[in-house]
């Protein structure tokens, strides 16, 4: 079946590529925006409400950082908000957050390379599919 001149297999290939691209962008956002907040809180040893830090004190006062801290967005209550608008990491989740976010940052170059590989792979699969399908007798 063709929709707008594109076979359903090609549509699936491109949908898979878009899904991989979106997953890559989300991983980049998570590692760099959420990770920046977590690394700053851990470095400041903000592990309870008394030692909580504001985004300005953490040098994380950007729109993306504020968006990452919106209600219910941080994973399972790892980053908590104190009554004065400052933030801290719950002590019981500090080790997990350290392991997840403090190893390294993902660079923008890495994201661009991954997106390029996904696009090239999808284009090659979409171009090769008709020939492979004919050879296998499924076209």
Protein backbone atom coordinates (compact mmCIF):
# COMPACT_ATOMS: atom_id res chain seq x y z
CA UNK A 1 0.00 0.00 0.00
CA UNK A 2 1.29 3.44 -0.89
CA UNK A 3 0.40 6.71 0.78
CA UNK A 4 1.54 9.83 -1.08
CA UNK A 5 3.89 7.64 -3.14
CA UNK A 6 5.56 6.17 -0.04
CA UNK A 7 5.18 2.48 0.82
CA UNK A 8 4.09 1.52 4.31
CA UNK A 9 7.52 -0.07 4.91
CA UNK A 10 9.24 3.19 4.03
CA UNK A 11 6.83 5.01 6.34
CA UNK A 12 7.78 2.65 9.16
CA UNK A 13 11.47 3.21 8.44
CA UNK A 14 11.09 6.99 8.61
CA UNK A 15 8.88 6.80 11.71
CA UNK A 16 11.59 4.71 13.39
CA UNK A 17 14.18 7.30 12.39
CA UNK A 18 12.07 10.12 13.84
CA UNK A 19 11.59 8.16 17.06
CA UNK A 20 15.36 7.55 17.32
CA UNK A 21 16.04 11.23 16.67
CA UNK A 22 13.55 12.32 19.36
CA UNK A 23 15.05 9.85 21.83
CA UNK A 24 18.51 11.26 21.10
CA UNK A 25 17.34 14.84 21.66
CA UNK A 26 15.66 13.85 24.93
CA UNK A 27 18.81 12.05 26.12
CA UNK A 28 20.88 15.15 25.26
CA UNK A 29 18.43 17.40 27.16
CA UNK A 30 18.39 15.07 30.14
CA UNK A 31 22.17 14.73 30.34
CA UNK A 32 22.88 18.44 29.85
CA UNK A 33 20.01 20.36 31.45
CA UNK A 34 18.83 18.04 34.21
CA UNK A 35 22.41 16.82 34.65
CA UNK A 36 23.68 20.39 35.07
CA UNK A 37 21.22 20.97 37.91
CA UNK A 38 21.99 17.65 39.60
CA UNK A 39 25.77 18.14 39.31
CA UNK A 40 25.51 21.67 40.74
CA UNK A 41 23.35 20.51 43.67
CA UNK A 42 25.70 17.64 44.46
CA UNK A 43 28.76 19.89 44.20
CA UNK A 44 27.10 22.35 46.60
CA UNK A 45 26.24 19.43 48.90
CA UNK A 46 22.58 20.49 48.88
CA UNK A 47 21.13 17.34 50.42
CA UNK A 48 18.43 18.75 52.69
CA UNK A 49 16.15 21.78 52.99
CA UNK A 50 18.68 23.61 55.21
CA UNK A 51 21.44 23.38 52.59
CA UNK A 52 19.14 23.96 49.57
CA UNK A 53 20.35 26.34 46.85
CA UNK A 54 18.54 28.62 44.44
CA UNK A 55 19.05 28.30 40.70
CA UNK A 56 20.90 31.60 40.73
CA UNK A 57 23.31 30.31 43.40
CA UNK A 58 23.87 27.20 41.28
CA UNK A 59 24.44 29.27 38.10
CA UNK A 60 21.52 27.37 36.53
CA UNK A 61 19.01 30.20 36.22
CA UNK A 62 17.90 29.59 32.63
CA UNK A 63 14.50 28.95 31.09
CA UNK A 64 15.45 25.34 30.33
CA UNK A 65 16.54 24.72 33.92
CA UNK A 66 13.34 26.24 35.29
CA UNK A 67 11.37 24.09 32.81
CA UNK A 68 13.23 20.97 33.99
CA UNK A 69 12.20 21.73 37.58
CA UNK A 70 8.50 22.25 36.89
CA UNK A 71 6.17 20.32 39.16
CA UNK A 72 6.37 16.55 38.72
CA UNK A 73 9.10 16.60 36.07
CA UNK A 74 12.16 15.43 38.01
CA UNK A 75 12.43 11.69 38.30
CA UNK A 76 10.71 10.22 41.33
CA UNK A 77 11.25 13.18 43.65
CA UNK A 78 15.04 13.19 43.37
CA UNK A 79 15.25 17.00 43.23
CA UNK A 80 13.03 18.59 45.84
CA UNK A 81 11.93 22.16 46.34
CA UNK A 82 12.33 23.92 49.68
CA UNK A 83 9.73 26.41 50.85
CA UNK A 84 11.84 29.41 49.80
CA UNK A 85 12.15 28.32 46.14
CA UNK A 86 15.53 26.69 46.54
CA UNK A 87 16.31 23.10 45.62
CA UNK A 88 18.09 20.07 47.03
CA UNK A 89 18.55 16.39 46.27
CA UNK A 90 17.04 13.90 48.67
CA UNK A 91 19.82 12.10 50.55
CA UNK A 92 18.48 8.66 49.69
CA UNK A 93 18.64 9.41 45.94
CA UNK A 94 21.95 11.32 45.88
CA UNK A 95 24.05 8.25 45.07
CA UNK A 96 21.78 7.21 42.20
CA UNK A 97 21.79 10.75 40.78
CA UNK A 98 25.59 10.89 41.12
CA UNK A 99 25.94 7.70 39.09
CA UNK A 100 23.44 8.80 36.45
CA UNK A 101 24.47 12.42 35.81
CA UNK A 102 28.01 12.98 37.02
CA UNK A 103 30.00 10.76 34.67
CA UNK A 104 30.04 13.14 31.70
CA UNK A 105 28.05 15.56 29.61
CA UNK A 106 26.81 14.85 26.11
CA UNK A 107 28.21 17.33 23.63
CA UNK A 108 26.23 19.05 20.90
CA UNK A 109 28.63 17.51 18.38
CA UNK A 110 27.67 14.04 19.62
CA UNK A 111 23.99 14.87 19.14
CA UNK A 112 24.59 16.15 15.60
CA UNK A 113 26.61 13.03 14.69
CA UNK A 114 23.92 10.70 16.09
CA UNK A 115 21.17 12.57 14.21
CA UNK A 116 23.21 12.41 10.99
CA UNK A 117 23.79 8.66 11.41
CA UNK A 118 20.08 8.08 12.02
CA UNK A 119 19.15 10.10 8.91
CA UNK A 120 21.69 8.33 6.68
CA UNK A 121 20.69 4.89 8.00
CA UNK A 122 16.99 5.62 7.40
CA UNK A 123 17.68 6.92 3.89
CA UNK A 124 19.74 3.83 3.05
CA UNK A 125 17.10 1.49 4.45
CA UNK A 126 14.30 3.29 2.59
CA UNK A 127 16.30 3.20 -0.67
CA UNK A 128 17.28 -0.47 -0.30
CA UNK A 129 13.91 -1.76 0.86
CA UNK A 130 12.23 -2.07 -2.59
CA UNK A 131 15.13 -4.09 -4.00
CA UNK A 132 15.39 -6.35 -0.95
CA UNK A 133 11.60 -6.83 -0.89
CA UNK A 134 11.62 -7.87 -4.58
CA UNK A 135 14.49 -10.30 -4.02
CA UNK A 136 12.65 -11.88 -1.08
CA UNK A 137 9.39 -11.96 -3.00
CA UNK A 138 7.49 -9.83 -0.51
CA UNK A 139 7.01 -6.76 -2.68
